[in-house]
Amino acid sequence: MALQDWGDYSIGAVGQLTPEQVASTADIAWAPTHAAAMYPVTTGDSLRLHWTAQVGVGHGR
């Protein structure tokens, strides 16, 4: 799934935060996603994604 520029991402340590903590923590350093972006994660990293689904976009609706 291409994220395009419809959301944000953050890279952090695996196991650092639960999904509930990610959803409720205000001080995560989110950055915008970009079309065709590569996200530099390595061993021990987790890629957190926050995006908005845009229903019908690009499907002629």
PDB file of N, CA and C in Angstrom:
ATOM      1  N   MET A   1       0.842  -1.180   0.000  1.00  0.00           N
ATOM      2  CA  MET A   1       0.000   0.000   0.000  1.00  0.00           C
ATOM      3  C   MET A   1       0.882   1.236   0.000  1.00  0.00           C
ATOM      4  N   ALA A   2       0.712   2.085  -0.942  1.00  0.00           N
ATOM      5  CA  ALA A   2       1.459   3.338  -1.000  1.00  0.00           C
ATOM      6  C   ALA A   2       0.836   4.328  -0.022  1.00  0.00           C
ATOM      7  N   LEU A   3       1.635   4.870   0.873  1.00  0.00           N
ATOM      8  CA  LEU A   3       1.119   5.825   1.854  1.00  0.00           C
ATOM      9  C   LEU A   3       0.972   7.219   1.282  1.00  0.00           C
ATOM     10  N   GLN A   4       1.652   7.476   0.142  1.00  0.00           N
ATOM     11  CA  GLN A   4       1.616   8.807  -0.467  1.00  0.00           C
ATOM     12  C   GLN A   4       2.003   9.840   0.588  1.00  0.00           C
ATOM     13  N   ASP A   5       1.282  10.933   0.664  1.00  0.00           N
ATOM     14  CA  ASP A   5       1.566  11.955   1.669  1.00  0.00           C
ATOM     15  C   ASP A   5       0.356  12.131   2.593  1.00  0.00           C
ATOM     16  N   TRP A   6      -0.312  11.045   2.880  1.00  0.00           N
ATOM     17  CA  TRP A   6      -1.551  11.081   3.650  1.00  0.00           C
ATOM     18  C   TRP A   6      -1.349  10.853   5.136  1.00  0.00           C
ATOM     19  N   GLY A   7      -0.115  10.806   5.611  1.00  0.00           N
ATOM     20  CA  GLY A   7       0.068  10.520   7.022  1.00  0.00           C
ATOM     21  C   GLY A   7       1.412  10.962   7.551  1.00  0.00           C
ATOM     22  N   ASP A   8       1.753  10.385   8.684  1.00  0.00           N
ATOM     23  CA  ASP A   8       2.993  10.703   9.375  1.00  0.00           C
ATOM     24  C   ASP A   8       3.660   9.407   9.816  1.00  0.00           C
ATOM     25  N   TYR A   9       4.967   9.488  10.085  1.00  0.00           N
ATOM     26  CA  TYR A   9       5.699   8.328  10.573  1.00  0.00           C
ATOM     27  C   TYR A   9       6.654   8.741  11.681  1.00  0.00           C
ATOM     28  N   SER A  10       7.065   7.774  12.450  1.00  0.00           N
ATOM     29  CA  SER A  10       8.058   7.966  13.490  1.00  0.00           C
ATOM     30  C   SER A  10       8.831   6.655  13.609  1.00  0.00           C
ATOM     31  N   ILE A  11      10.117   6.747  13.856  1.00  0.00           N
ATOM     32  CA  ILE A  11      10.953   5.560  14.045  1.00  0.00           C
ATOM     33  C   ILE A  11      11.435   5.567  15.488  1.00  0.00           C
ATOM     34  N   GLY A  12      11.261   4.446  16.166  1.00  0.00           N
ATOM     35  CA  GLY A  12      11.681   4.330  17.559  1.00  0.00           C
ATOM     36  C   GLY A  12      12.136   2.924  17.860  1.00  0.00           C
ATOM     37  N   ALA A  13      12.551   2.715  19.087  1.00  0.00           N
ATOM     38  CA  ALA A  13      13.029   1.398  19.505  1.00  0.00           C
ATOM     39  C   ALA A  13      11.865   0.421  19.641  1.00  0.00           C
ATOM     40  N   VAL A  14      12.096  -0.817  19.210  1.00  0.00           N
ATOM     41  CA  VAL A  14      11.092  -1.875  19.354  1.00  0.00           C
ATOM     42  C   VAL A  14      10.787  -2.059  20.840  1.00  0.00           C
ATOM     43  N   GLY A  15       9.518  -2.173  21.179  1.00  0.00           N
ATOM     44  CA  GLY A  15       9.120  -2.419  22.559  1.00  0.00           C
ATOM     45  C   GLY A  15       9.139  -1.201  23.448  1.00  0.00           C
ATOM     46  N   GLN A  16       9.484  -0.043  22.897  1.00  0.00           N
ATOM     47  CA  GLN A  16       9.557   1.179  23.692  1.00  0.00           C
ATOM     48  C   GLN A  16       8.170   1.633  24.136  1.00  0.00           C
ATOM     49  N   LEU A  17       7.189   1.535  23.231  1.00  0.00           N
ATOM     50  CA  LEU A  17       5.828   1.967  23.519  1.00  0.00           C
ATOM     51  C   LEU A  17       4.829   0.930  23.026  1.00  0.00           C
ATOM     52  N   THR A  18       3.734   0.782  23.742  1.00  0.00           N
ATOM     53  CA  THR A  18       2.637  -0.061  23.280  1.00  0.00           C
ATOM     54  C   THR A  18       1.829   0.733  22.246  1.00  0.00           C
ATOM     55  N   PRO A  19       0.997   0.070  21.450  1.00  0.00           N
ATOM     56  CA  PRO A  19       0.144   0.818  20.509  1.00  0.00           C
ATOM     57  C   PRO A  19      -0.728   1.862  21.219  1.00  0.00           C
ATOM     58  N   GLU A  20      -1.217   1.541  22.392  1.00  0.00           N
ATOM     59  CA  GLU A  20      -2.048   2.485  23.141  1.00  0.00           C
ATOM     60  C   GLU A  20      -1.243   3.715  23.545  1.00  0.00           C
ATOM     61  N   GLN A  21       0.022   3.512  23.933  1.00  0.00           N
ATOM     62  CA  GLN A  21       0.876   4.636  24.299  1.00  0.00           C
ATOM     63  C   GLN A  21       1.205   5.496  23.077  1.00  0.00           C
ATOM     64  N   VAL A  22       1.429   4.857  21.943  1.00  0.00           N
ATOM     65  CA  VAL A  22       1.689   5.621  20.718  1.00  0.00           C
ATOM     66  C   VAL A  22       0.487   6.507  20.402  1.00  0.00           C
ATOM     67  N   ALA A  23      -0.710   5.971  20.543  1.00  0.00           N
ATOM     68  CA  ALA A  23      -1.926   6.726  20.231  1.00  0.00           C
ATOM     69  C   ALA A  23      -2.155   7.891  21.187  1.00  0.00           C
ATOM     70  N   SER A  24      -1.680   7.774  22.429  1.00  0.00           N
ATOM     71  CA  SER A  24      -1.986   8.803  23.424  1.00  0.00           C
ATOM     72  C   SER A  24      -0.802   9.680  23.823  1.00  0.00           C
ATOM     73  N   THR A  25       0.393   9.419  23.284  1.00  0.00           N
ATOM     74  CA  THR A  25       1.580  10.198  23.656  1.00  0.00           C
ATOM     75  C   THR A  25       1.729  11.389  22.727  1.00  0.00           C
ATOM     76  N   ALA A  26       1.757  12.578  23.303  1.00  0.00           N
ATOM     77  CA  ALA A  26       1.817  13.801  22.504  1.00  0.00           C
ATOM     78  C   ALA A  26       3.227  14.177  22.061  1.00  0.00           C
ATOM     79  N   ASP A  27       4.257  13.637  22.690  1.00  0.00           N
ATOM     80  CA  ASP A  27       5.618  14.093  22.387  1.00  0.00           C
ATOM     81  C   ASP A  27       6.396  13.185  21.435  1.00  0.00           C
ATOM     82  N   ILE A  28       5.699  12.377  20.621  1.00  0.00           N
ATOM     83  CA  ILE A  28       6.373  11.576  19.602  1.00  0.00           C
ATOM     84  C   ILE A  28       6.727  12.506  18.436  1.00  0.00           C
ATOM     85  N   ALA A  29       7.944  12.377  17.950  1.00  0.00           N
ATOM     86  CA  ALA A  29       8.409  13.233  16.846  1.00  0.00           C
ATOM     87  C   ALA A  29       7.918  12.677  15.513  1.00  0.00           C
ATOM     88  N   TRP A  30       6.684  13.016  15.127  1.00  0.00           N
ATOM     89  CA  TRP A  30       6.112  12.565  13.866  1.00  0.00           C
ATOM     90  C   TRP A  30       6.661  13.412  12.726  1.00  0.00           C
ATOM     91  N   ALA A  31       6.869  12.799  11.573  1.00  0.00           N
ATOM     92  CA  ALA A  31       7.307  13.494  10.362  1.00  0.00           C
ATOM     93  C   ALA A  31       6.371  13.080   9.232  1.00  0.00           C
ATOM     94  N   PRO A  32       6.150  13.954   8.248  1.00  0.00           N
ATOM     95  CA  PRO A  32       5.230  13.617   7.163  1.00  0.00           C
ATOM     96  C   PRO A  32       5.738  12.463   6.294  1.00  0.00           C
ATOM     97  N   THR A  33       4.816  11.602   5.860  1.00  0.00           N
ATOM     98  CA  THR A  33       5.171  10.576   4.881  1.00  0.00           C
ATOM     99  C   THR A  33       5.237  11.241   3.512  1.00  0.00           C
ATOM    100  N   HIS A  34       5.954  10.619   2.598  1.00  0.00           N
ATOM    101  CA  HIS A  34       6.103  11.148   1.245  1.00  0.00           C
ATOM    102  C   HIS A  34       5.903  10.019   0.247  1.00  0.00           C
ATOM    103  N   ALA A  35       5.396  10.349  -0.915  1.00  0.00           N
ATOM    104  CA  ALA A  35       5.226   9.360  -1.976  1.00  0.00           C
ATOM    105  C   ALA A  35       6.587   8.749  -2.305  1.00  0.00           C
ATOM    106  N   ALA A  36       6.641   7.434  -2.427  1.00  0.00           N
ATOM    107  CA  ALA A  36       7.846   6.674  -2.792  1.00  0.00           C
ATOM    108  C   ALA A  36       8.975   6.808  -1.774  1.00  0.00           C
ATOM    109  N   ALA A  37       8.663   7.133  -0.525  1.00  0.00           N
ATOM    110  CA  ALA A  37       9.690   7.289   0.505  1.00  0.00           C
ATOM    111  C   ALA A  37      10.215   5.941   0.981  1.00  0.00           C
ATOM    112  N   MET A  38      11.460   5.930   1.396  1.00  0.00           N
ATOM    113  CA  MET A  38      12.086   4.774   2.039  1.00  0.00           C
ATOM    114  C   MET A  38      12.359   5.194   3.480  1.00  0.00           C
ATOM    115  N   TYR A  39      11.987   4.354   4.432  1.00  0.00           N
ATOM    116  CA  TYR A  39      12.138   4.696   5.839  1.00  0.00           C
ATOM    117  C   TYR A  39      13.294   3.888   6.425  1.00  0.00           C
ATOM    118  N   PRO A  40      14.315   4.555   6.947  1.00  0.00           N
ATOM    119  CA  PRO A  40      15.570   3.912   7.349  1.00  0.00           C
ATOM    120  C   PRO A  40      15.501   3.182   8.695  1.00  0.00           C
ATOM    121  N   VAL A  41      14.832   2.047   8.741  1.00  0.00           N
ATOM    122  CA  VAL A  41      14.787   1.261   9.971  1.00  0.00           C
ATOM    123  C   VAL A  41      15.865   0.185   9.930  1.00  0.00           C
ATOM    124  N   THR A  42      16.405  -0.128  11.091  1.00  0.00           N
ATOM    125  CA  THR A  42      17.413  -1.175  11.215  1.00  0.00           C
ATOM    126  C   THR A  42      16.997  -2.110  12.337  1.00  0.00           C
ATOM    127  N   THR A  43      17.816  -3.080  12.631  1.00  0.00           N
ATOM    128  CA  THR A  43      17.542  -4.026  13.707  1.00  0.00           C
ATOM    129  C   THR A  43      17.282  -3.275  15.011  1.00  0.00           C
ATOM    130  N   GLY A  44      16.205  -3.599  15.661  1.00  0.00           N
ATOM    131  CA  GLY A  44      15.850  -2.965  16.923  1.00  0.00           C
ATOM    132  C   GLY A  44      14.962  -1.743  16.773  1.00  0.00           C
ATOM    133  N   ASP A  45      14.685  -1.327  15.543  1.00  0.00           N
ATOM    134  CA  ASP A  45      13.809  -0.177  15.294  1.00  0.00           C
ATOM    135  C   ASP A  45      12.388  -0.631  15.002  1.00  0.00           C
ATOM    136  N   SER A  46      11.463   0.259  15.260  1.00  0.00           N
ATOM    137  CA  SER A  46      10.080   0.038  14.841  1.00  0.00           C
ATOM    138  C   SER A  46       9.630   1.256  14.044  1.00  0.00           C
ATOM    139  N   LEU A  47       8.826   1.015  13.035  1.00  0.00           N
ATOM    140  CA  LEU A  47       8.271   2.083  12.204  1.00  0.00           C
ATOM    141  C   LEU A  47       6.830   2.278  12.628  1.00  0.00           C
ATOM    142  N   ARG A  48       6.537   3.453  13.146  1.00  0.00           N
ATOM    143  CA  ARG A  48       5.173   3.777  13.566  1.00  0.00           C
ATOM    144  C   ARG A  48       4.529   4.608  12.467  1.00  0.00           C
ATOM    145  N   LEU A  49       3.308   4.266  12.122  1.00  0.00           N
ATOM    146  CA  LEU A  49       2.593   4.984  11.065  1.00  0.00           C
ATOM    147  C   LEU A  49       1.280   5.529  11.594  1.00  0.00           C
ATOM    148  N   HIS A  50       0.972   6.724  11.182  1.00  0.00           N
ATOM    149  CA  HIS A  50      -0.296   7.367  11.518  1.00  0.00           C
ATOM    150  C   HIS A  50      -0.793   7.975  10.219  1.00  0.00           C
ATOM    151  N   TRP A  51      -1.907   7.499   9.706  1.00  0.00           N
ATOM    152  CA  TRP A  51      -2.387   8.012   8.430  1.00  0.00           C
ATOM    153  C   TRP A  51      -3.893   8.073   8.402  1.00  0.00           C
ATOM    154  N   THR A  52      -4.399   8.797   7.416  1.00  0.00           N
ATOM    155  CA  THR A  52      -5.828   8.940   7.195  1.00  0.00           C
ATOM    156  C   THR A  52      -6.176   8.193   5.910  1.00  0.00           C
ATOM    157  N   ALA A  53      -7.114   7.273   6.001  1.00  0.00           N
ATOM    158  CA  ALA A  53      -7.574   6.549   4.808  1.00  0.00           C
ATOM    159  C   ALA A  53      -8.462   7.501   4.000  1.00  0.00           C
ATOM    160  N   GLN A  54      -8.198   7.570   2.716  1.00  0.00           N
ATOM    161  CA  GLN A  54      -8.985   8.442   1.859  1.00  0.00           C
ATOM    162  C   GLN A  54      -9.783   7.551   0.912  1.00  0.00           C
ATOM    163  N   VAL A  55     -10.967   7.207   1.331  1.00  0.00           N
ATOM    164  CA  VAL A  55     -11.826   6.277   0.596  1.00  0.00           C
ATOM    165  C   VAL A  55     -12.219   6.862  -0.752  1.00  0.00           C
ATOM    166  N   GLY A  56     -12.022   6.039  -1.786  1.00  0.00           N
ATOM    167  CA  GLY A  56     -12.447   6.409  -3.118  1.00  0.00           C
ATOM    168  C   GLY A  56     -11.458   7.246  -3.905  1.00  0.00           C
ATOM    169  N   VAL A  57     -10.376   7.700  -3.293  1.00  0.00           N
ATOM    170  CA  VAL A  57      -9.385   8.515  -3.985  1.00  0.00           C
ATOM    171  C   VAL A  57      -8.687   7.654  -5.029  1.00  0.00           C
ATOM    172  N   GLY A  58      -8.654   8.104  -6.254  1.00  0.00           N
ATOM    173  CA  GLY A  58      -7.970   7.402  -7.322  1.00  0.00           C
ATOM    174  C   GLY A  58      -8.740   6.219  -7.894  1.00  0.00           C
ATOM    175  N   HIS A  59      -9.983   6.076  -7.484  1.00  0.00           N
ATOM    176  CA  HIS A  59     -10.790   4.959  -7.971  1.00  0.00           C
ATOM    177  C   HIS A  59     -11.983   5.430  -8.779  1.00  0.00           C
ATOM    178  N   GLY A  60     -11.963   6.683  -9.198  1.00  0.00           N
ATOM    179  CA  GLY A  60     -13.036   7.213 -10.043  1.00  0.00           C
ATOM    180  C   GLY A  60     -14.358   7.380  -9.326  1.00  0.00           C
ATOM    181  N   ARG A  61     -14.339   7.503  -8.014  1.00  0.00           N
ATOM    182  CA  ARG A  61     -15.601   7.664  -7.260  1.00  0.00           C
ATOM    183  C   ARG A  61     -15.822   9.099  -6.866  1.00  0.00           C
TER     184      ARG A  61
END
